[in-house]
Amino acid sequence: MSNALLIVESPAKMKTISKLLGSGYTVRPTMGHIVDLSNGKGGGDIGIDIHNGFAPRYEAIADKKDIIKAIIDAARTADEIYVV
């Protein structure tokens, strides 16, 4: 049986969706945003790389690292990953 990971924003959505989908799915919440644009404290440009086509620079939000780790751990065993 395949195992799919569904990533949602809130724990309330996680509980509701988990009940609807059943055992073939693992549902994990992000608890809001988990990454943000860089604040430029490293001496670089604020949030963008102006020398590389204005590409955005993202960094993990410090207090979300445990949530990110839990999602990554769940993704390692998933056959499919959905972000809702």
Protein backbone atom coordinates (compact mmCIF):
# COMPACT_ATOMS: atom_id res chain seq x y z
CA MET A 1 0.00 0.00 0.00
CA SER A 2 1.33 3.43 -0.90
CA ASN A 3 1.90 6.10 1.70
CA ALA A 4 1.21 9.73 0.76
CA LEU A 5 2.20 12.78 2.77
CA LEU A 6 -0.16 15.74 2.77
CA ILE A 7 1.23 19.04 4.09
CA VAL A 8 -1.35 21.54 5.37
CA GLU A 9 -1.12 24.84 7.22
CA SER A 10 -3.03 24.30 10.46
CA PRO A 11 -3.43 21.53 13.04
CA ALA A 12 -7.22 21.87 12.79
CA LYS A 13 -7.09 21.15 9.06
CA MET A 14 -4.74 18.25 9.79
CA LYS A 15 -7.24 16.61 12.14
CA THR A 16 -10.20 17.06 9.80
CA ILE A 17 -8.38 15.90 6.67
CA SER A 18 -6.80 12.94 8.49
CA LYS A 19 -10.27 11.66 9.38
CA LEU A 20 -11.44 11.97 5.78
CA LEU A 21 -8.43 10.40 4.05
CA GLY A 22 -7.77 7.34 6.17
CA SER A 23 -4.68 5.25 6.78
CA GLY A 24 -2.95 5.63 3.39
CA TYR A 25 -2.12 9.24 4.14
CA THR A 26 0.07 11.02 6.66
CA VAL A 27 -0.97 14.63 7.28
CA ARG A 28 1.47 17.14 8.80
CA PRO A 29 0.82 20.83 9.61
CA THR A 30 3.31 23.66 9.00
CA MET A 31 1.69 25.85 11.68
CA GLY A 32 1.90 28.86 9.35
CA HIS A 33 4.86 29.99 7.27
CA ILE A 34 8.05 27.96 7.67
CA VAL A 35 10.36 30.04 5.45
CA ASP A 36 10.72 33.77 4.86
CA LEU A 37 12.83 36.07 2.74
CA SER A 38 16.31 36.61 4.15
CA ASN A 39 16.74 39.76 6.19
CA GLY A 40 20.22 40.47 4.79
CA LYS A 41 22.10 40.22 8.12
CA GLY A 42 24.90 38.33 6.37
CA GLY A 43 25.93 41.46 4.50
CA GLY A 44 23.96 40.47 1.40
CA ASP A 45 21.00 42.00 -0.31
CA ILE A 46 17.75 42.02 1.62
CA GLY A 47 15.66 39.07 0.48
CA ILE A 48 16.85 39.00 -3.12
CA ASP A 49 20.02 38.31 -5.09
CA ILE A 50 20.36 41.28 -7.43
CA HIS A 51 23.34 39.66 -9.18
CA ASN A 52 21.38 36.53 -10.08
CA GLY A 53 18.25 37.77 -11.85
CA PHE A 54 16.68 39.07 -8.62
CA ALA A 55 16.24 35.52 -7.34
CA PRO A 56 14.62 35.37 -3.89
CA ARG A 57 16.70 34.22 -0.92
CA TYR A 58 14.71 32.18 1.54
CA GLU A 59 15.69 31.05 5.02
CA ALA A 60 13.93 28.84 7.54
CA ILE A 61 12.15 30.64 10.36
CA ALA A 62 14.16 29.85 13.48
CA ASP A 63 11.32 28.62 15.70
CA LYS A 64 9.97 26.35 12.92
CA LYS A 65 13.05 24.11 12.59
CA ASP A 66 11.44 21.26 14.58
CA ILE A 67 8.35 21.40 12.37
CA ILE A 68 10.51 21.37 9.23
CA LYS A 69 12.42 18.36 10.57
CA ALA A 70 9.17 16.48 11.26
CA ILE A 71 7.95 17.15 7.72
CA ILE A 72 11.27 16.05 6.21
CA ASP A 73 11.23 12.86 8.29
CA ALA A 74 7.68 12.09 7.12
CA ALA A 75 8.67 12.83 3.51
CA ARG A 76 11.46 10.24 3.62
CA THR A 77 8.96 7.39 3.85
CA ALA A 78 6.28 8.88 1.58
CA ASP A 79 5.66 7.66 -1.95
CA GLU A 80 3.84 10.87 -2.88
CA ILE A 81 3.87 14.37 -1.35
CA TYR A 82 1.06 16.91 -1.64
CA VAL A 83 1.21 20.52 -0.43
CA VAL A 84 -2.25 21.97 0.13
